[in-house]
Amino acid sequence: MTTPLTLAPGRGPDGAVRLVVGGEIDMSNAGRLAEALDSRPGPLVVDLTEVEYLDSAGLSVLFAHADRLELVVPPLLEPVLSVSGLAALATVHRSGDQDRDRDRPRPQG
């Protein structure tokens, strides 16, 4: 059985291209995340606020795009991104830090 993952593309209130991700990111569905990131060139805000689990396969996908990502993360994921080194390569905001979370699209099941 595939781990649940939702992806909701859109634009933020500031016009920035966004991808809201929800569920769990692991080796069974990391390819879907990679495809979603690959299909959106240029700078991209990836909202991981609704992500409950992120394993090394998911981290690998994020690392491959780190130079163009701005990540919005819940407190649960902050240590993972820090220890892995991803926080040093991508811009990371804690969810709720800014108005970035306001009016964000919600992932659909």
N, C-alpha and C. Protein backbone atom coordinates (compact mmCIF):
# COMPACT_ATOMS: atom_id res chain seq x y z
N MET A 1 0.84 -1.18 0.00
CA MET A 1 0.00 0.00 0.00
C MET A 1 0.88 1.24 0.00
N THR A 2 0.51 2.21 -0.81
CA THR A 2 1.27 3.45 -0.91
C THR A 2 0.93 4.36 0.27
N THR A 3 1.95 5.00 0.78
CA THR A 3 1.79 5.96 1.87
C THR A 3 1.02 7.18 1.36
N PRO A 4 0.07 7.71 2.15
CA PRO A 4 -0.70 8.87 1.69
C PRO A 4 0.17 10.12 1.52
N LEU A 5 0.03 10.75 0.37
CA LEU A 5 0.74 11.99 0.08
C LEU A 5 -0.19 12.86 -0.75
N THR A 6 -0.35 14.11 -0.33
CA THR A 6 -1.15 15.04 -1.11
C THR A 6 -0.26 16.19 -1.57
N LEU A 7 -0.51 16.65 -2.78
CA LEU A 7 0.25 17.74 -3.38
C LEU A 7 -0.74 18.75 -3.95
N ALA A 8 -0.66 19.98 -3.50
CA ALA A 8 -1.57 21.03 -3.96
C ALA A 8 -0.77 22.20 -4.51
N PRO A 9 -0.63 22.28 -5.84
CA PRO A 9 0.08 23.41 -6.42
C PRO A 9 -0.78 24.66 -6.40
N GLY A 10 -0.13 25.79 -6.41
CA GLY A 10 -0.86 27.05 -6.44
C GLY A 10 0.09 28.23 -6.37
N ARG A 11 -0.47 29.37 -6.01
CA ARG A 11 0.31 30.60 -5.83
C ARG A 11 -0.06 31.19 -4.48
N GLY A 12 0.93 31.76 -3.82
CA GLY A 12 0.69 32.43 -2.56
C GLY A 12 0.10 33.80 -2.79
N PRO A 13 -0.30 34.48 -1.71
CA PRO A 13 -0.85 35.83 -1.82
C PRO A 13 0.11 36.81 -2.49
N ASP A 14 1.40 36.53 -2.37
CA ASP A 14 2.42 37.38 -2.98
C ASP A 14 2.71 37.01 -4.43
N GLY A 15 2.01 35.99 -4.96
CA GLY A 15 2.21 35.56 -6.33
C GLY A 15 3.26 34.48 -6.50
N ALA A 16 3.96 34.13 -5.43
CA ALA A 16 5.01 33.11 -5.52
C ALA A 16 4.40 31.75 -5.82
N VAL A 17 5.08 30.98 -6.64
CA VAL A 17 4.65 29.62 -6.95
C VAL A 17 4.83 28.78 -5.69
N ARG A 18 3.77 28.02 -5.33
CA ARG A 18 3.77 27.23 -4.10
C ARG A 18 3.37 25.80 -4.40
N LEU A 19 3.85 24.93 -3.53
CA LEU A 19 3.39 23.55 -3.52
C LEU A 19 3.15 23.19 -2.07
N VAL A 20 1.89 22.91 -1.74
CA VAL A 20 1.54 22.51 -0.39
C VAL A 20 1.52 20.98 -0.35
N VAL A 21 2.29 20.44 0.57
CA VAL A 21 2.45 18.99 0.67
C VAL A 21 1.87 18.52 1.99
N GLY A 22 1.16 17.40 1.96
CA GLY A 22 0.60 16.85 3.18
C GLY A 22 0.76 15.34 3.23
N GLY A 23 0.71 14.80 4.43
CA GLY A 23 0.82 13.35 4.61
C GLY A 23 2.21 12.92 4.99
N GLU A 24 2.67 11.86 4.36
CA GLU A 24 3.99 11.31 4.64
C GLU A 24 4.80 11.20 3.36
N ILE A 25 6.09 11.51 3.46
CA ILE A 25 6.98 11.40 2.30
C ILE A 25 8.00 10.32 2.62
N ASP A 26 7.95 9.24 1.85
CA ASP A 26 8.90 8.15 2.05
C ASP A 26 9.26 7.54 0.70
N MET A 27 9.98 6.43 0.72
CA MET A 27 10.46 5.86 -0.54
C MET A 27 9.32 5.39 -1.45
N SER A 28 8.13 5.14 -0.91
CA SER A 28 7.03 4.68 -1.74
C SER A 28 6.41 5.80 -2.57
N ASN A 29 6.60 7.05 -2.17
CA ASN A 29 5.96 8.15 -2.91
C ASN A 29 6.88 9.33 -3.19
N ALA A 30 8.15 9.23 -2.85
CA ALA A 30 9.09 10.33 -3.08
C ALA A 30 9.17 10.69 -4.56
N GLY A 31 8.95 9.73 -5.43
CA GLY A 31 8.95 10.00 -6.87
C GLY A 31 7.87 10.98 -7.28
N ARG A 32 6.71 10.90 -6.63
CA ARG A 32 5.63 11.85 -6.92
C ARG A 32 6.03 13.27 -6.53
N LEU A 33 6.70 13.39 -5.38
CA LEU A 33 7.18 14.71 -4.96
C LEU A 33 8.23 15.21 -5.95
N ALA A 34 9.14 14.35 -6.37
CA ALA A 34 10.17 14.74 -7.34
C ALA A 34 9.54 15.23 -8.63
N GLU A 35 8.52 14.53 -9.12
CA GLU A 35 7.83 14.95 -10.34
C GLU A 35 7.17 16.31 -10.16
N ALA A 36 6.56 16.52 -9.01
CA ALA A 36 5.90 17.81 -8.74
C ALA A 36 6.92 18.95 -8.71
N LEU A 37 8.07 18.71 -8.10
CA LEU A 37 9.12 19.75 -8.06
C LEU A 37 9.73 19.97 -9.43
N ASP A 38 9.96 18.87 -10.16
CA ASP A 38 10.55 18.98 -11.50
C ASP A 38 9.65 19.75 -12.46
N SER A 39 8.34 19.66 -12.26
CA SER A 39 7.40 20.29 -13.19
C SER A 39 7.20 21.78 -12.92
N ARG A 40 7.82 22.28 -11.87
CA ARG A 40 7.69 23.70 -11.53
C ARG A 40 9.08 24.34 -11.50
N PRO A 41 9.51 24.88 -12.64
CA PRO A 41 10.84 25.49 -12.68
C PRO A 41 10.90 26.80 -11.91
N GLY A 42 12.09 27.22 -11.59
CA GLY A 42 12.29 28.49 -10.91
C GLY A 42 12.09 28.39 -9.42
N PRO A 43 12.12 29.52 -8.74
CA PRO A 43 11.94 29.53 -7.28
C PRO A 43 10.58 28.94 -6.91
N LEU A 44 10.56 28.22 -5.80
CA LEU A 44 9.34 27.53 -5.39
C LEU A 44 9.24 27.49 -3.88
N VAL A 45 8.08 27.88 -3.36
CA VAL A 45 7.80 27.75 -1.93
C VAL A 45 7.14 26.39 -1.74
N VAL A 46 7.75 25.56 -0.89
CA VAL A 46 7.19 24.24 -0.59
C VAL A 46 6.73 24.26 0.86
N ASP A 47 5.43 24.16 1.04
CA ASP A 47 4.83 24.21 2.36
C ASP A 47 4.67 22.79 2.88
N LEU A 48 5.49 22.44 3.86
CA LEU A 48 5.49 21.10 4.45
C LEU A 48 4.76 21.06 5.78
N THR A 49 3.97 22.09 6.07
CA THR A 49 3.29 22.20 7.35
C THR A 49 2.44 20.97 7.67
N GLU A 50 1.81 20.39 6.68
CA GLU A 50 0.93 19.24 6.89
C GLU A 50 1.64 17.89 6.76
N VAL A 51 2.97 17.90 6.62
CA VAL A 51 3.73 16.65 6.51
C VAL A 51 3.97 16.10 7.91
N GLU A 52 3.60 14.83 8.08
CA GLU A 52 3.72 14.18 9.38
C GLU A 52 4.96 13.29 9.48
N TYR A 53 5.54 12.95 8.33
CA TYR A 53 6.70 12.05 8.33
C TYR A 53 7.52 12.34 7.08
N LEU A 54 8.83 12.37 7.24
CA LEU A 54 9.75 12.63 6.14
C LEU A 54 10.96 11.73 6.34
N ASP A 55 11.21 10.82 5.38
CA ASP A 55 12.37 9.94 5.52
C ASP A 55 13.48 10.37 4.56
N SER A 56 14.53 9.57 4.49
CA SER A 56 15.70 9.94 3.70
C SER A 56 15.38 10.05 2.20
N ALA A 57 14.43 9.29 1.71
CA ALA A 57 14.05 9.41 0.29
C ALA A 57 13.44 10.78 0.02
N GLY A 58 12.60 11.25 0.92
CA GLY A 58 12.02 12.58 0.78
C GLY A 58 13.07 13.67 0.91
N LEU A 59 13.97 13.49 1.86
CA LEU A 59 15.07 14.46 2.00
C LEU A 59 15.91 14.52 0.74
N SER A 60 16.19 13.38 0.12
CA SER A 60 16.99 13.35 -1.11
C SER A 60 16.34 14.18 -2.21
N VAL A 61 15.02 14.07 -2.33
CA VAL A 61 14.30 14.85 -3.33
C VAL A 61 14.45 16.35 -3.03
N LEU A 62 14.28 16.72 -1.78
CA LEU A 62 14.41 18.13 -1.41
C LEU A 62 15.83 18.64 -1.63
N PHE A 63 16.83 17.82 -1.29
CA PHE A 63 18.23 18.20 -1.50
C PHE A 63 18.50 18.49 -2.98
N ALA A 64 17.92 17.69 -3.87
CA ALA A 64 18.17 17.85 -5.30
C ALA A 64 17.67 19.19 -5.83
N HIS A 65 16.75 19.83 -5.11
CA HIS A 65 16.18 21.10 -5.54
C HIS A 65 16.46 22.24 -4.55
N ALA A 66 17.30 21.99 -3.58
CA ALA A 66 17.50 22.92 -2.46
C ALA A 66 17.84 24.34 -2.89
N ASP A 67 18.59 24.50 -3.97
CA ASP A 67 19.04 25.83 -4.37
C ASP A 67 17.91 26.76 -4.81
N ARG A 68 16.72 26.22 -5.06
CA ARG A 68 15.61 27.05 -5.51
C ARG A 68 14.38 26.96 -4.61
N LEU A 69 14.52 26.27 -3.47
CA LEU A 69 13.38 26.06 -2.59
C LEU A 69 13.36 27.01 -1.40
N GLU A 70 12.16 27.39 -1.04
CA GLU A 70 11.89 28.08 0.21
C GLU A 70 10.91 27.15 0.93
N LEU A 71 11.33 26.59 2.06
CA LEU A 71 10.54 25.59 2.76
C LEU A 71 9.82 26.20 3.96
N VAL A 72 8.55 25.88 4.11
CA VAL A 72 7.77 26.25 5.28
C VAL A 72 7.53 24.94 6.02
N VAL A 73 8.01 24.87 7.26
CA VAL A 73 7.98 23.60 7.98
C VAL A 73 7.36 23.73 9.36
N PRO A 74 6.77 22.63 9.83
CA PRO A 74 6.26 22.61 11.20
C PRO A 74 7.43 22.38 12.16
N PRO A 75 7.25 22.66 13.44
CA PRO A 75 8.32 22.44 14.42
C PRO A 75 8.87 21.01 14.41
N LEU A 76 8.02 20.04 14.10
CA LEU A 76 8.44 18.64 14.07
C LEU A 76 9.56 18.38 13.06
N LEU A 77 9.52 19.08 11.93
CA LEU A 77 10.52 18.84 10.88
C LEU A 77 11.77 19.69 11.00
N GLU A 78 11.73 20.74 11.78
CA GLU A 78 12.90 21.63 11.90
C GLU A 78 14.18 20.88 12.26
N PRO A 79 14.17 20.01 13.28
CA PRO A 79 15.42 19.31 13.62
C PRO A 79 15.89 18.38 12.51
N VAL A 80 14.97 17.78 11.78
CA VAL A 80 15.33 16.88 10.68
C VAL A 80 16.08 17.65 9.61
N LEU A 81 15.56 18.81 9.25
CA LEU A 81 16.21 19.62 8.21
C LEU A 81 17.54 20.17 8.68
N SER A 82 17.63 20.49 9.95
CA SER A 82 18.87 21.01 10.51
C SER A 82 19.95 19.94 10.57
N VAL A 83 19.63 18.80 11.14
CA VAL A 83 20.61 17.71 11.28
C VAL A 83 21.06 17.19 9.92
N SER A 84 20.14 17.13 8.98
CA SER A 84 20.47 16.61 7.65
C SER A 84 21.34 17.58 6.86
N GLY A 85 21.34 18.85 7.23
CA GLY A 85 22.09 19.86 6.50
C GLY A 85 21.26 20.61 5.47
N LEU A 86 20.02 20.18 5.25
CA LEU A 86 19.17 20.84 4.25
C LEU A 86 18.89 22.29 4.62
N ALA A 87 18.77 22.57 5.91
CA ALA A 87 18.48 23.94 6.35
C ALA A 87 19.61 24.90 5.99
N ALA A 88 20.80 24.38 5.79
CA ALA A 88 21.93 25.23 5.39
C ALA A 88 21.93 25.52 3.88
N LEU A 89 21.17 24.73 3.12
CA LEU A 89 21.17 24.88 1.66
C LEU A 89 19.91 25.56 1.12
N ALA A 90 18.81 25.43 1.82
CA ALA A 90 17.54 26.00 1.39
C ALA A 90 17.07 27.00 2.43
N THR A 91 16.26 27.93 2.00
CA THR A 91 15.64 28.87 2.94
C THR A 91 14.54 28.13 3.68
N VAL A 92 14.56 28.20 5.01
CA VAL A 92 13.57 27.49 5.82
C VAL A 92 12.87 28.47 6.75
N HIS A 93 11.54 28.41 6.75
CA HIS A 93 10.71 29.21 7.65
C HIS A 93 9.87 28.26 8.47
N ARG A 94 9.75 28.55 9.74
CA ARG A 94 8.86 27.77 10.59
C ARG A 94 7.43 28.19 10.27
N SER A 95 6.53 27.24 10.16
CA SER A 95 5.13 27.58 9.86
C SER A 95 4.60 28.52 10.94
N GLY A 96 3.90 29.54 10.50
CA GLY A 96 3.37 30.54 11.41
C GLY A 96 4.31 31.71 11.65
N ASP A 97 5.57 31.62 11.17
CA ASP A 97 6.53 32.70 11.37
C ASP A 97 6.13 33.98 10.66
N GLN A 98 5.57 33.81 9.47
CA GLN A 98 5.23 34.96 8.66
C GLN A 98 3.81 34.82 8.16
N ASP A 99 3.39 35.73 7.36
CA ASP A 99 2.06 35.65 6.78
C ASP A 99 2.02 34.66 5.63
N ARG A 100 3.08 33.92 5.41
CA ARG A 100 3.15 32.97 4.31
C ARG A 100 2.09 31.89 4.42
N ASP A 101 1.67 31.58 5.61
CA ASP A 101 0.70 30.51 5.81
C ASP A 101 -0.73 30.97 5.56
N ARG A 102 -0.93 32.27 5.59
CA ARG A 102 -2.27 32.81 5.39
C ARG A 102 -2.72 32.55 3.95
N ASP A 103 -3.91 32.12 3.80
CA ASP A 103 -4.51 31.89 2.48
C ASP A 103 -3.79 30.82 1.67
N ARG A 104 -3.07 29.94 2.31
CA ARG A 104 -2.38 28.91 1.53
C ARG A 104 -3.37 27.82 1.16
N PRO A 105 -3.22 27.25 -0.03
CA PRO A 105 -4.13 26.16 -0.43
C PRO A 105 -3.89 24.95 0.47
N ARG A 106 -4.92 24.23 0.75
CA ARG A 106 -4.83 23.03 1.57
C ARG A 106 -4.71 21.82 0.65
N PRO A 107 -3.88 20.83 1.03
CA PRO A 107 -3.78 19.62 0.22
C PRO A 107 -5.13 18.90 0.14
N GLN A 108 -5.41 18.37 -1.01
CA GLN A 108 -6.64 17.60 -1.22
C GLN A 108 -6.30 16.12 -1.19
N GLY A 109 -7.15 15.31 -0.59
CA GLY A 109 -6.93 13.87 -0.46
C GLY A 109 -7.08 13.09 -1.69
